[in-house]
Amino acid sequence: LNAVAVLQTALGPQELLGALHAIEAQCDRQRPYLNAPRTLDLDLLCHGTAVRHSSTLTVPHPRLTGRAFVLEPLMAVWSTLAADPFAPLPDVPCAADRVRLVQDQGVVRLSETL
């Protein structure tokens, strides 16, 4: 199950990622090895128009445009975003094309709200 949340915060990208990791820890998220199966995975997809590349954080998320399970819910909340998360990515096609590029990945929408 995947979802996207839009929020306003005074936290910077690194601080917000730390807060997300704290929530995962409170929910007993284990990280035994890279890409291990997980019961909860909170990712920071974008932070306004910020662009960051560090050993612990890349914003926008480096695999944002290649995963239908991210793009589909993101497109559903697109109109509520204050900034285009793809603006810092000049080589990314238009919004409709992004979804078409990954439509064969088998994503199924369950409902508008859970």
PDB file of N, CA and C in Angstrom:
ATOM      1  N   LEU A   1       0.849  -1.170   0.000  1.00  0.00           N
ATOM      2  CA  LEU A   1       0.000   0.000   0.000  1.00  0.00           C
ATOM      3  C   LEU A   1       0.892   1.229   0.000  1.00  0.00           C
ATOM      4  N   ASN A   2       0.638   2.153  -0.914  1.00  0.00           N
ATOM      5  CA  ASN A   2       1.416   3.385  -1.014  1.00  0.00           C
ATOM      6  C   ASN A   2       0.487   4.580  -1.002  1.00  0.00           C
ATOM      7  N   ALA A   3       0.963   5.659  -0.423  1.00  0.00           N
ATOM      8  CA  ALA A   3       0.190   6.894  -0.354  1.00  0.00           C
ATOM      9  C   ALA A   3       1.148   8.071  -0.365  1.00  0.00           C
ATOM     10  N   VAL A   4       0.619   9.233  -0.673  1.00  0.00           N
ATOM     11  CA  VAL A   4       1.389  10.476  -0.651  1.00  0.00           C
ATOM     12  C   VAL A   4       0.678  11.448   0.275  1.00  0.00           C
ATOM     13  N   ALA A   5       1.437  12.130   1.104  1.00  0.00           N
ATOM     14  CA  ALA A   5       0.883  13.160   1.983  1.00  0.00           C
ATOM     15  C   ALA A   5       1.547  14.490   1.651  1.00  0.00           C
ATOM     16  N   VAL A   6       0.749  15.534   1.649  1.00  0.00           N
ATOM     17  CA  VAL A   6       1.250  16.892   1.445  1.00  0.00           C
ATOM     18  C   VAL A   6       1.168  17.598   2.789  1.00  0.00           C
ATOM     19  N   LEU A   7       2.258  18.238   3.207  1.00  0.00           N
ATOM     20  CA  LEU A   7       2.232  18.928   4.484  1.00  0.00           C
ATOM     21  C   LEU A   7       3.044  20.209   4.430  1.00  0.00           C
ATOM     22  N   GLN A   8       2.757  21.081   5.375  1.00  0.00           N
ATOM     23  CA  GLN A   8       3.528  22.310   5.548  1.00  0.00           C
ATOM     24  C   GLN A   8       4.355  22.152   6.809  1.00  0.00           C
ATOM     25  N   THR A   9       5.614  22.581   6.737  1.00  0.00           N
ATOM     26  CA  THR A   9       6.495  22.448   7.886  1.00  0.00           C
ATOM     27  C   THR A   9       7.542  23.550   7.878  1.00  0.00           C
ATOM     28  N   ALA A  10       8.021  23.866   9.059  1.00  0.00           N
ATOM     29  CA  ALA A  10       9.137  24.801   9.184  1.00  0.00           C
ATOM     30  C   ALA A  10      10.467  24.051   9.147  1.00  0.00           C
ATOM     31  N   LEU A  11      10.395  22.717   9.133  1.00  0.00           N
ATOM     32  CA  LEU A  11      11.608  21.902   9.108  1.00  0.00           C
ATOM     33  C   LEU A  11      12.260  21.952   7.733  1.00  0.00           C
ATOM     34  N   GLY A  12      13.571  21.955   7.720  1.00  0.00           N
ATOM     35  CA  GLY A  12      14.312  21.830   6.474  1.00  0.00           C
ATOM     36  C   GLY A  12      14.269  20.384   6.003  1.00  0.00           C
ATOM     37  N   PRO A  13      14.741  20.102   4.794  1.00  0.00           N
ATOM     38  CA  PRO A  13      14.684  18.736   4.260  1.00  0.00           C
ATOM     39  C   PRO A  13      15.356  17.696   5.158  1.00  0.00           C
ATOM     40  N   GLN A  14      16.567  17.976   5.646  1.00  0.00           N
ATOM     41  CA  GLN A  14      17.277  17.002   6.476  1.00  0.00           C
ATOM     42  C   GLN A  14      16.548  16.771   7.796  1.00  0.00           C
ATOM     43  N   GLU A  15      16.032  17.840   8.390  1.00  0.00           N
ATOM     44  CA  GLU A  15      15.297  17.715   9.655  1.00  0.00           C
ATOM     45  C   GLU A  15      13.989  16.948   9.459  1.00  0.00           C
ATOM     46  N   LEU A  16      13.322  17.197   8.352  1.00  0.00           N
ATOM     47  CA  LEU A  16      12.078  16.477   8.071  1.00  0.00           C
ATOM     48  C   LEU A  16      12.354  14.997   7.868  1.00  0.00           C
ATOM     49  N   LEU A  17      13.420  14.673   7.155  1.00  0.00           N
ATOM     50  CA  LEU A  17      13.782  13.265   6.985  1.00  0.00           C
ATOM     51  C   LEU A  17      14.052  12.622   8.342  1.00  0.00           C
ATOM     52  N   GLY A  18      14.727  13.347   9.228  1.00  0.00           N
ATOM     53  CA  GLY A  18      14.966  12.834  10.580  1.00  0.00           C
ATOM     54  C   GLY A  18      13.669  12.576  11.329  1.00  0.00           C
ATOM     55  N   ALA A  19      12.701  13.474  11.178  1.00  0.00           N
ATOM     56  CA  ALA A  19      11.394  13.288  11.824  1.00  0.00           C
ATOM     57  C   ALA A  19      10.680  12.069  11.251  1.00  0.00           C
ATOM     58  N   LEU A  20      10.776  11.871   9.944  1.00  0.00           N
ATOM     59  CA  LEU A  20      10.157  10.693   9.322  1.00  0.00           C
ATOM     60  C   LEU A  20      10.810   9.416   9.832  1.00  0.00           C
ATOM     61  N   HIS A  21      12.130   9.417   9.951  1.00  0.00           N
ATOM     62  CA  HIS A  21      12.828   8.243  10.483  1.00  0.00           C
ATOM     63  C   HIS A  21      12.451   7.990  11.941  1.00  0.00           C
ATOM     64  N   ALA A  22      12.212   9.043  12.708  1.00  0.00           N
ATOM     65  CA  ALA A  22      11.785   8.879  14.105  1.00  0.00           C
ATOM     66  C   ALA A  22      10.415   8.210  14.173  1.00  0.00           C
ATOM     67  N   ILE A  23       9.518   8.586  13.274  1.00  0.00           N
ATOM     68  CA  ILE A  23       8.194   7.944  13.219  1.00  0.00           C
ATOM     69  C   ILE A  23       8.352   6.471  12.878  1.00  0.00           C
ATOM     70  N   GLU A  24       9.197   6.164  11.898  1.00  0.00           N
ATOM     71  CA  GLU A  24       9.448   4.759  11.547  1.00  0.00           C
ATOM     72  C   GLU A  24       9.973   3.989  12.758  1.00  0.00           C
ATOM     73  N   ALA A  25      10.896   4.582  13.504  1.00  0.00           N
ATOM     74  CA  ALA A  25      11.463   3.922  14.684  1.00  0.00           C
ATOM     75  C   ALA A  25      10.399   3.685  15.751  1.00  0.00           C
ATOM     76  N   GLN A  26       9.510   4.657  15.946  1.00  0.00           N
ATOM     77  CA  GLN A  26       8.423   4.501  16.916  1.00  0.00           C
ATOM     78  C   GLN A  26       7.500   3.354  16.527  1.00  0.00           C
ATOM     79  N   CYS A  27       7.438   3.070  15.244  1.00  0.00           N
ATOM     80  CA  CYS A  27       6.599   1.969  14.741  1.00  0.00           C
ATOM     81  C   CYS A  27       7.413   0.689  14.592  1.00  0.00           C
ATOM     82  N   ASP A  28       8.600   0.655  15.204  1.00  0.00           N
ATOM     83  CA  ASP A  28       9.479  -0.511  15.224  1.00  0.00           C
ATOM     84  C   ASP A  28       9.989  -0.900  13.838  1.00  0.00           C
ATOM     85  N   ARG A  29      10.223   0.069  12.993  1.00  0.00           N
ATOM     86  CA  ARG A  29      10.812  -0.188  11.675  1.00  0.00           C
ATOM     87  C   ARG A  29      12.228  -0.707  11.873  1.00  0.00           C
ATOM     88  N   GLN A  30      12.531  -1.828  11.263  1.00  0.00           N
ATOM     89  CA  GLN A  30      13.865  -2.414  11.330  1.00  0.00           C
ATOM     90  C   GLN A  30      14.585  -2.164  10.006  1.00  0.00           C
ATOM     91  N   ARG A  31      15.889  -1.953  10.055  1.00  0.00           N
ATOM     92  CA  ARG A  31      16.712  -1.743   8.859  1.00  0.00           C
ATOM     93  C   ARG A  31      17.893  -2.725   8.898  1.00  0.00           C
ATOM     94  N   PRO A  32      17.620  -4.031   8.757  1.00  0.00           N
ATOM     95  CA  PRO A  32      18.708  -5.006   8.868  1.00  0.00           C
ATOM     96  C   PRO A  32      19.707  -4.940   7.708  1.00  0.00           C
ATOM     97  N   TYR A  33      19.250  -4.528   6.525  1.00  0.00           N
ATOM     98  CA  TYR A  33      20.132  -4.395   5.360  1.00  0.00           C
ATOM     99  C   TYR A  33      19.438  -3.512   4.330  1.00  0.00           C
ATOM    100  N   LEU A  34      20.197  -3.029   3.363  1.00  0.00           N
ATOM    101  CA  LEU A  34      19.684  -2.131   2.339  1.00  0.00           C
ATOM    102  C   LEU A  34      18.533  -2.778   1.578  1.00  0.00           C
ATOM    103  N   ASN A  35      17.432  -2.060   1.434  1.00  0.00           N
ATOM    104  CA  ASN A  35      16.236  -2.512   0.711  1.00  0.00           C
ATOM    105  C   ASN A  35      15.578  -3.742   1.330  1.00  0.00           C
ATOM    106  N   ALA A  36      15.753  -3.926   2.628  1.00  0.00           N
ATOM    107  CA  ALA A  36      15.090  -5.037   3.318  1.00  0.00           C
ATOM    108  C   ALA A  36      13.582  -4.807   3.305  1.00  0.00           C
ATOM    109  N   PRO A  37      12.788  -5.888   3.341  1.00  0.00           N
ATOM    110  CA  PRO A  37      11.334  -5.723   3.435  1.00  0.00           C
ATOM    111  C   PRO A  37      10.993  -4.893   4.673  1.00  0.00           C
ATOM    112  N   ARG A  38       9.944  -4.089   4.571  1.00  0.00           N
ATOM    113  CA  ARG A  38       9.590  -3.219   5.685  1.00  0.00           C
ATOM    114  C   ARG A  38       8.088  -3.079   5.832  1.00  0.00           C
ATOM    115  N   THR A  39       7.679  -2.880   7.066  1.00  0.00           N
ATOM    116  CA  THR A  39       6.258  -2.678   7.345  1.00  0.00           C
ATOM    117  C   THR A  39       5.864  -1.217   7.199  1.00  0.00           C
ATOM    118  N   LEU A  40       6.847  -0.326   7.259  1.00  0.00           N
ATOM    119  CA  LEU A  40       6.597   1.106   7.114  1.00  0.00           C
ATOM    120  C   LEU A  40       7.812   1.744   6.459  1.00  0.00           C
ATOM    121  N   ASP A  41       7.575   2.558   5.441  1.00  0.00           N
ATOM    122  CA  ASP A  41       8.665   3.230   4.731  1.00  0.00           C
ATOM    123  C   ASP A  41       8.207   4.641   4.395  1.00  0.00           C
ATOM    124  N   LEU A  42       8.707   5.625   5.124  1.00  0.00           N
ATOM    125  CA  LEU A  42       8.334   7.018   4.900  1.00  0.00           C
ATOM    126  C   LEU A  42       9.461   7.708   4.144  1.00  0.00           C
ATOM    127  N   ASP A  43       9.181   8.142   2.934  1.00  0.00           N
ATOM    128  CA  ASP A  43      10.177   8.799   2.093  1.00  0.00           C
ATOM    129  C   ASP A  43       9.851  10.272   1.929  1.00  0.00           C
ATOM    130  N   LEU A  44      10.871  11.071   1.800  1.00  0.00           N
ATOM    131  CA  LEU A  44      10.722  12.485   1.473  1.00  0.00           C
ATOM    132  C   LEU A  44      10.911  12.602  -0.038  1.00  0.00           C
ATOM    133  N   LEU A  45       9.801  12.799  -0.749  1.00  0.00           N
ATOM    134  CA  LEU A  45       9.853  12.858  -2.212  1.00  0.00           C
ATOM    135  C   LEU A  45      10.381  14.194  -2.699  1.00  0.00           C
ATOM    136  N   CYS A  46       9.868  15.267  -2.112  1.00  0.00           N
ATOM    137  CA  CYS A  46      10.300  16.608  -2.496  1.00  0.00           C
ATOM    138  C   CYS A  46      10.082  17.536  -1.310  1.00  0.00           C
ATOM    139  N   HIS A  47      10.729  18.677  -1.382  1.00  0.00           N
ATOM    140  CA  HIS A  47      10.616  19.679  -0.321  1.00  0.00           C
ATOM    141  C   HIS A  47      10.566  21.029  -1.013  1.00  0.00           C
ATOM    142  N   GLY A  48       9.361  21.399  -1.463  1.00  0.00           N
ATOM    143  CA  GLY A  48       9.214  22.609  -2.271  1.00  0.00           C
ATOM    144  C   GLY A  48      10.031  22.473  -3.544  1.00  0.00           C
ATOM    145  N   THR A  49      10.845  23.456  -3.840  1.00  0.00           N
ATOM    146  CA  THR A  49      11.718  23.381  -5.017  1.00  0.00           C
ATOM    147  C   THR A  49      13.164  23.112  -4.613  1.00  0.00           C
ATOM    148  N   ALA A  50      13.365  22.670  -3.371  1.00  0.00           N
ATOM    149  CA  ALA A  50      14.720  22.403  -2.878  1.00  0.00           C
ATOM    150  C   ALA A  50      15.374  21.278  -3.666  1.00  0.00           C
ATOM    151  N   VAL A  51      16.664  21.426  -3.888  1.00  0.00           N
ATOM    152  CA  VAL A  51      17.490  20.384  -4.496  1.00  0.00           C
ATOM    153  C   VAL A  51      18.635  20.131  -3.529  1.00  0.00           C
ATOM    154  N   ARG A  52      18.744  18.894  -3.048  1.00  0.00           N
ATOM    155  CA  ARG A  52      19.795  18.527  -2.103  1.00  0.00           C
ATOM    156  C   ARG A  52      20.384  17.187  -2.524  1.00  0.00           C
ATOM    157  N   HIS A  53      21.698  17.093  -2.418  1.00  0.00           N
ATOM    158  CA  HIS A  53      22.399  15.831  -2.668  1.00  0.00           C
ATOM    159  C   HIS A  53      23.430  15.660  -1.560  1.00  0.00           C
ATOM    160  N   SER A  54      23.192  14.685  -0.697  1.00  0.00           N
ATOM    161  CA  SER A  54      24.153  14.389   0.364  1.00  0.00           C
ATOM    162  C   SER A  54      24.209  12.882   0.538  1.00  0.00           C
ATOM    163  N   SER A  55      25.031  12.428   1.449  1.00  0.00           N
ATOM    164  CA  SER A  55      25.144  10.984   1.679  1.00  0.00           C
ATOM    165  C   SER A  55      23.889  10.415   2.330  1.00  0.00           C
ATOM    166  N   THR A  56      23.063  11.265   2.944  1.00  0.00           N
ATOM    167  CA  THR A  56      21.868  10.782   3.639  1.00  0.00           C
ATOM    168  C   THR A  56      20.555  11.214   2.999  1.00  0.00           C
ATOM    169  N   LEU A  57      20.612  12.152   2.050  1.00  0.00           N
ATOM    170  CA  LEU A  57      19.370  12.671   1.483  1.00  0.00           C
ATOM    171  C   LEU A  57      19.585  13.213   0.075  1.00  0.00           C
ATOM    172  N   THR A  58      18.699  12.814  -0.826  1.00  0.00           N
ATOM    173  CA  THR A  58      18.640  13.408  -2.158  1.00  0.00           C
ATOM    174  C   THR A  58      17.210  13.856  -2.386  1.00  0.00           C
ATOM    175  N   VAL A  59      17.044  15.149  -2.650  1.00  0.00           N
ATOM    176  CA  VAL A  59      15.729  15.737  -2.900  1.00  0.00           C
ATOM    177  C   VAL A  59      15.822  16.547  -4.180  1.00  0.00           C
ATOM    178  N   PRO A  60      14.901  16.362  -5.117  1.00  0.00           N
ATOM    179  CA  PRO A  60      13.813  15.386  -5.137  1.00  0.00           C
ATOM    180  C   PRO A  60      14.343  13.944  -5.081  1.00  0.00           C
ATOM    181  N   HIS A  61      13.482  13.048  -4.618  1.00  0.00           N
ATOM    182  CA  HIS A  61      13.843  11.644  -4.473  1.00  0.00           C
ATOM    183  C   HIS A  61      14.385  11.129  -5.801  1.00  0.00           C
ATOM    184  N   PRO A  62      15.523  10.431  -5.792  1.00  0.00           N
ATOM    185  CA  PRO A  62      16.167  10.025  -7.046  1.00  0.00           C
ATOM    186  C   PRO A  62      15.354   9.065  -7.914  1.00  0.00           C
ATOM    187  N   ARG A  63      14.431   8.324  -7.325  1.00  0.00           N
ATOM    188  CA  ARG A  63      13.629   7.383  -8.123  1.00  0.00           C
ATOM    189  C   ARG A  63      12.169   7.827  -8.239  1.00  0.00           C
ATOM    190  N   LEU A  64      11.945   9.089  -7.975  1.00  0.00           N
ATOM    191  CA  LEU A  64      10.600   9.666  -8.011  1.00  0.00           C
ATOM    192  C   LEU A  64       9.905   9.453  -9.350  1.00  0.00           C
ATOM    193  N   THR A  65      10.611   9.632 -10.434  1.00  0.00           N
ATOM    194  CA  THR A  65       9.968   9.615 -11.752  1.00  0.00           C
ATOM    195  C   THR A  65       9.865   8.237 -12.381  1.00  0.00           C
ATOM    196  N   GLY A  66      10.439   7.224 -11.776  1.00  0.00           N
ATOM    197  CA  GLY A  66      10.421   5.905 -12.390  1.00  0.00           C
ATOM    198  C   GLY A  66       9.537   4.885 -11.710  1.00  0.00           C
ATOM    199  N   ARG A  67       8.762   5.308 -10.747  1.00  0.00           N
ATOM    200  CA  ARG A  67       7.957   4.361  -9.974  1.00  0.00           C
ATOM    201  C   ARG A  67       6.488   4.761 -10.001  1.00  0.00           C
ATOM    202  N   ALA A  68       5.687   3.925 -10.611  1.00  0.00           N
ATOM    203  CA  ALA A  68       4.252   4.212 -10.702  1.00  0.00           C
ATOM    204  C   ALA A  68       3.619   4.292  -9.318  1.00  0.00           C
ATOM    205  N   PHE A  69       4.079   3.477  -8.377  1.00  0.00           N
ATOM    206  CA  PHE A  69       3.476   3.487  -7.041  1.00  0.00           C
ATOM    207  C   PHE A  69       3.754   4.794  -6.302  1.00  0.00           C
ATOM    208  N   VAL A  70       4.678   5.595  -6.804  1.00  0.00           N
ATOM    209  CA  VAL A  70       4.911   6.939  -6.278  1.00  0.00           C
ATOM    210  C   VAL A  70       4.180   7.971  -7.129  1.00  0.00           C
ATOM    211  N   LEU A  71       4.302   7.848  -8.448  1.00  0.00           N
ATOM    212  CA  LEU A  71       3.718   8.838  -9.353  1.00  0.00           C
ATOM    213  C   LEU A  71       2.201   8.896  -9.293  1.00  0.00           C
ATOM    214  N   GLU A  72       1.544   7.759  -9.239  1.00  0.00           N
ATOM    215  CA  GLU A  72       0.071   7.749  -9.237  1.00  0.00           C
ATOM    216  C   GLU A  72      -0.501   8.529  -8.052  1.00  0.00           C
ATOM    217  N   PRO A  73      -0.100   8.231  -6.809  1.00  0.00           N
ATOM    218  CA  PRO A  73      -0.658   9.022  -5.703  1.00  0.00           C
ATOM    219  C   PRO A  73      -0.171  10.473  -5.718  1.00  0.00           C
ATOM    220  N   LEU A  74       1.046  10.722  -6.205  1.00  0.00           N
ATOM    221  CA  LEU A  74       1.531  12.097  -6.287  1.00  0.00           C
ATOM    222  C   LEU A  74       0.697  12.909  -7.265  1.00  0.00           C
ATOM    223  N   MET A  75       0.357  12.328  -8.393  1.00  0.00           N
ATOM    224  CA  MET A  75      -0.460  13.032  -9.379  1.00  0.00           C
ATOM    225  C   MET A  75      -1.854  13.322  -8.819  1.00  0.00           C
ATOM    226  N   ALA A  76      -2.332  12.465  -7.911  1.00  0.00           N
ATOM    227  CA  ALA A  76      -3.661  12.670  -7.321  1.00  0.00           C
ATOM    228  C   ALA A  76      -3.705  13.916  -6.437  1.00  0.00           C
ATOM    229  N   VAL A  77      -2.568  14.300  -5.856  1.00  0.00           N
ATOM    230  CA  VAL A  77      -2.531  15.483  -4.988  1.00  0.00           C
ATOM    231  C   VAL A  77      -1.819  16.663  -5.647  1.00  0.00           C
ATOM    232  N   TRP A  78      -1.472  16.503  -6.899  1.00  0.00           N
ATOM    233  CA  TRP A  78      -0.684  17.495  -7.644  1.00  0.00           C
ATOM    234  C   TRP A  78      -1.200  18.917  -7.470  1.00  0.00           C
ATOM    235  N   SER A  79      -2.503  19.111  -7.600  1.00  0.00           N
ATOM    236  CA  SER A  79      -3.071  20.464  -7.570  1.00  0.00           C
ATOM    237  C   SER A  79      -2.946  21.133  -6.203  1.00  0.00           C
ATOM    238  N   THR A  80      -2.689  20.367  -5.154  1.00  0.00           N
ATOM    239  CA  THR A  80      -2.565  20.957  -3.819  1.00  0.00           C
ATOM    240  C   THR A  80      -1.137  21.376  -3.494  1.00  0.00           C
ATOM    241  N   LEU A  81      -0.199  21.032  -4.349  1.00  0.00           N
ATOM    242  CA  LEU A  81       1.201  21.337  -4.073  1.00  0.00           C
ATOM    243  C   LEU A  81       1.509  22.804  -4.336  1.00  0.00           C
ATOM    244  N   ALA A  82       2.299  23.398  -3.460  1.00  0.00           N
ATOM    245  CA  ALA A  82       2.687  24.799  -3.621  1.00  0.00           C
ATOM    246  C   ALA A  82       3.736  24.966  -4.714  1.00  0.00           C
ATOM    247  N   ALA A  83       4.522  23.927  -4.959  1.00  0.00           N
ATOM    248  CA  ALA A  83       5.567  23.987  -5.975  1.00  0.00           C
ATOM    249  C   ALA A  83       5.585  22.690  -6.769  1.00  0.00           C
ATOM    250  N   ASP A  84       5.962  22.775  -8.025  1.00  0.00           N
ATOM    251  CA  ASP A  84       6.069  21.598  -8.886  1.00  0.00           C
ATOM    252  C   ASP A  84       7.281  20.789  -8.443  1.00  0.00           C
ATOM    253  N   PRO A  85       7.091  19.559  -7.924  1.00  0.00           N
ATOM    254  CA  PRO A  85       8.234  18.781  -7.448  1.00  0.00           C
ATOM    255  C   PRO A  85       9.182  18.384  -8.568  1.00  0.00           C
ATOM    256  N   PHE A  86       8.713  18.481  -9.815  1.00  0.00           N
ATOM    257  CA  PHE A  86       9.560  18.105 -10.939  1.00  0.00           C
ATOM    258  C   PHE A  86      10.319  19.287 -11.522  1.00  0.00           C
ATOM    259  N   ALA A  87      10.034  20.494 -11.053  1.00  0.00           N
ATOM    260  CA  ALA A  87      10.696  21.689 -11.587  1.00  0.00           C
ATOM    261  C   ALA A  87      12.225  21.585 -11.531  1.00  0.00           C
ATOM    262  N   PRO A  88      12.803  21.033 -10.451  1.00  0.00           N
ATOM    263  CA  PRO A  88      14.262  20.918 -10.415  1.00  0.00           C
ATOM    264  C   PRO A  88      14.818  19.829 -11.333  1.00  0.00           C
ATOM    265  N   LEU A  89      13.945  19.074 -11.996  1.00  0.00           N
ATOM    266  CA  LEU A  89      14.372  17.969 -12.853  1.00  0.00           C
ATOM    267  C   LEU A  89      14.081  18.311 -14.311  1.00  0.00           C
ATOM    268  N   PRO A  90      14.953  19.048 -14.986  1.00  0.00           N
ATOM    269  CA  PRO A  90      14.649  19.537 -16.333  1.00  0.00           C
ATOM    270  C   PRO A  90      14.493  18.450 -17.386  1.00  0.00           C
ATOM    271  N   ASP A  91      15.033  17.268 -17.163  1.00  0.00           N
ATOM    272  CA  ASP A  91      14.950  16.208 -18.165  1.00  0.00           C
ATOM    273  C   ASP A  91      13.715  15.333 -18.026  1.00  0.00           C
ATOM    274  N   VAL A  92      12.818  15.688 -17.118  1.00  0.00           N
ATOM    275  CA  VAL A  92      11.612  14.900 -16.879  1.00  0.00           C
ATOM    276  C   VAL A  92      10.500  15.392 -17.800  1.00  0.00           C
ATOM    277  N   PRO A  93       9.793  14.466 -18.476  1.00  0.00           N
ATOM    278  CA  PRO A  93       8.705  14.876 -19.372  1.00  0.00           C
ATOM    279  C   PRO A  93       7.525  15.476 -18.615  1.00  0.00           C
ATOM    280  N   CYS A  94       6.550  15.962 -19.363  1.00  0.00           N
ATOM    281  CA  CYS A  94       5.375  16.585 -18.749  1.00  0.00           C
ATOM    282  C   CYS A  94       4.626  15.586 -17.867  1.00  0.00           C
ATOM    283  N   ALA A  95       3.762  16.105 -17.009  1.00  0.00           N
ATOM    284  CA  ALA A  95       3.077  15.296 -15.992  1.00  0.00           C
ATOM    285  C   ALA A  95       2.364  14.084 -16.572  1.00  0.00           C
ATOM    286  N   ALA A  96       1.577  14.274 -17.617  1.00  0.00           N
ATOM    287  CA  ALA A  96       0.827  13.151 -18.192  1.00  0.00           C
ATOM    288  C   ALA A  96       1.774  12.092 -18.738  1.00  0.00           C
ATOM    289  N   ASP A  97       2.874  12.516 -19.339  1.00  0.00           N
ATOM    290  CA  ASP A  97       3.840  11.561 -19.882  1.00  0.00           C
ATOM    291  C   ASP A  97       4.537  10.773 -18.790  1.00  0.00           C
ATOM    292  N   ARG A  98       4.730  11.380 -17.629  1.00  0.00           N
ATOM    293  CA  ARG A  98       5.383  10.677 -16.520  1.00  0.00           C
ATOM    294  C   ARG A  98       4.607   9.426 -16.140  1.00  0.00           C
ATOM    295  N   VAL A  99       3.299   9.573 -16.044  1.00  0.00           N
ATOM    296  CA  VAL A  99       2.465   8.438 -15.656  1.00  0.00           C
ATOM    297  C   VAL A  99       2.449   7.393 -16.767  1.00  0.00           C
ATOM    298  N   ARG A 100       2.369   7.821 -18.007  1.00  0.00           N
ATOM    299  CA  ARG A 100       2.377   6.871 -19.124  1.00  0.00           C
ATOM    300  C   ARG A 100       3.664   6.050 -19.164  1.00  0.00           C
ATOM    301  N   LEU A 101       4.774   6.657 -18.789  1.00  0.00           N
ATOM    302  CA  LEU A 101       6.056   5.958 -18.809  1.00  0.00           C
ATOM    303  C   LEU A 101       6.086   4.763 -17.859  1.00  0.00           C
ATOM    304  N   VAL A 102       5.282   4.808 -16.810  1.00  0.00           N
ATOM    305  CA  VAL A 102       5.317   3.748 -15.797  1.00  0.00           C
ATOM    306  C   VAL A 102       3.992   2.995 -15.679  1.00  0.00           C
ATOM    307  N   GLN A 103       3.082   3.193 -16.627  1.00  0.00           N
ATOM    308  CA  GLN A 103       1.743   2.608 -16.495  1.00  0.00           C
ATOM    309  C   GLN A 103       1.733   1.085 -16.547  1.00  0.00           C
ATOM    310  N   ASP A 104       2.778   0.460 -17.051  1.00  0.00           N
ATOM    311  CA  ASP A 104       2.816  -1.000 -17.131  1.00  0.00           C
ATOM    312  C   ASP A 104       3.354  -1.643 -15.852  1.00  0.00           C
ATOM    313  N   GLN A 105       3.476  -0.878 -14.781  1.00  0.00           N
ATOM    314  CA  GLN A 105       4.024  -1.407 -13.532  1.00  0.00           C
ATOM    315  C   GLN A 105       2.971  -2.024 -12.614  1.00  0.00           C
ATOM    316  N   GLY A 106       1.718  -2.077 -13.042  1.00  0.00           N
ATOM    317  CA  GLY A 106       0.694  -2.795 -12.298  1.00  0.00           C
ATOM    318  C   GLY A 106       0.149  -2.107 -11.063  1.00  0.00           C
ATOM    319  N   VAL A 107       0.125  -0.802 -11.037  1.00  0.00           N
ATOM    320  CA  VAL A 107      -0.425  -0.073  -9.893  1.00  0.00           C
ATOM    321  C   VAL A 107      -1.938  -0.022 -10.013  1.00  0.00           C
ATOM    322  N   VAL A 108      -2.627  -0.306  -8.904  1.00  0.00           N
ATOM    323  CA  VAL A 108      -4.089  -0.293  -8.873  1.00  0.00           C
ATOM    324  C   VAL A 108      -4.540   0.657  -7.772  1.00  0.00           C
ATOM    325  N   ARG A 109      -5.389   1.613  -8.122  1.00  0.00           N
ATOM    326  CA  ARG A 109      -5.923   2.550  -7.121  1.00  0.00           C
ATOM    327  C   ARG A 109      -7.026   1.852  -6.337  1.00  0.00           C
ATOM    328  N   LEU A 110      -6.959   1.916  -5.002  1.00  0.00           N
ATOM    329  CA  LEU A 110      -7.965   1.274  -4.160  1.00  0.00           C
ATOM    330  C   LEU A 110      -9.181   2.166  -3.969  1.00  0.00           C
ATOM    331  N   SER A 111      -8.967   3.413  -3.561  1.00  0.00           N
ATOM    332  CA  SER A 111     -10.062   4.355  -3.372  1.00  0.00           C
ATOM    333  C   SER A 111      -9.469   5.742  -3.189  1.00  0.00           C
ATOM    334  N   GLU A 112     -10.329   6.743  -3.152  1.00  0.00           N
ATOM    335  CA  GLU A 112      -9.848   8.104  -2.938  1.00  0.00           C
ATOM    336  C   GLU A 112      -9.313   8.290  -1.523  1.00  0.00           C
ATOM    337  N   THR A 113      -9.979   7.702  -0.544  1.00  0.00           N
ATOM    338  CA  THR A 113      -9.540   7.811   0.842  1.00  0.00           C
ATOM    339  C   THR A 113      -9.660   6.456   1.509  1.00  0.00           C
ATOM    340  N   LEU A 114      -8.885   6.275   2.536  1.00  0.00           N
ATOM    341  CA  LEU A 114      -8.958   5.022   3.298  1.00  0.00           C
ATOM    342  C   LEU A 114      -9.476   5.294   4.684  1.00  0.00           C
TER     343      LEU A 114
END
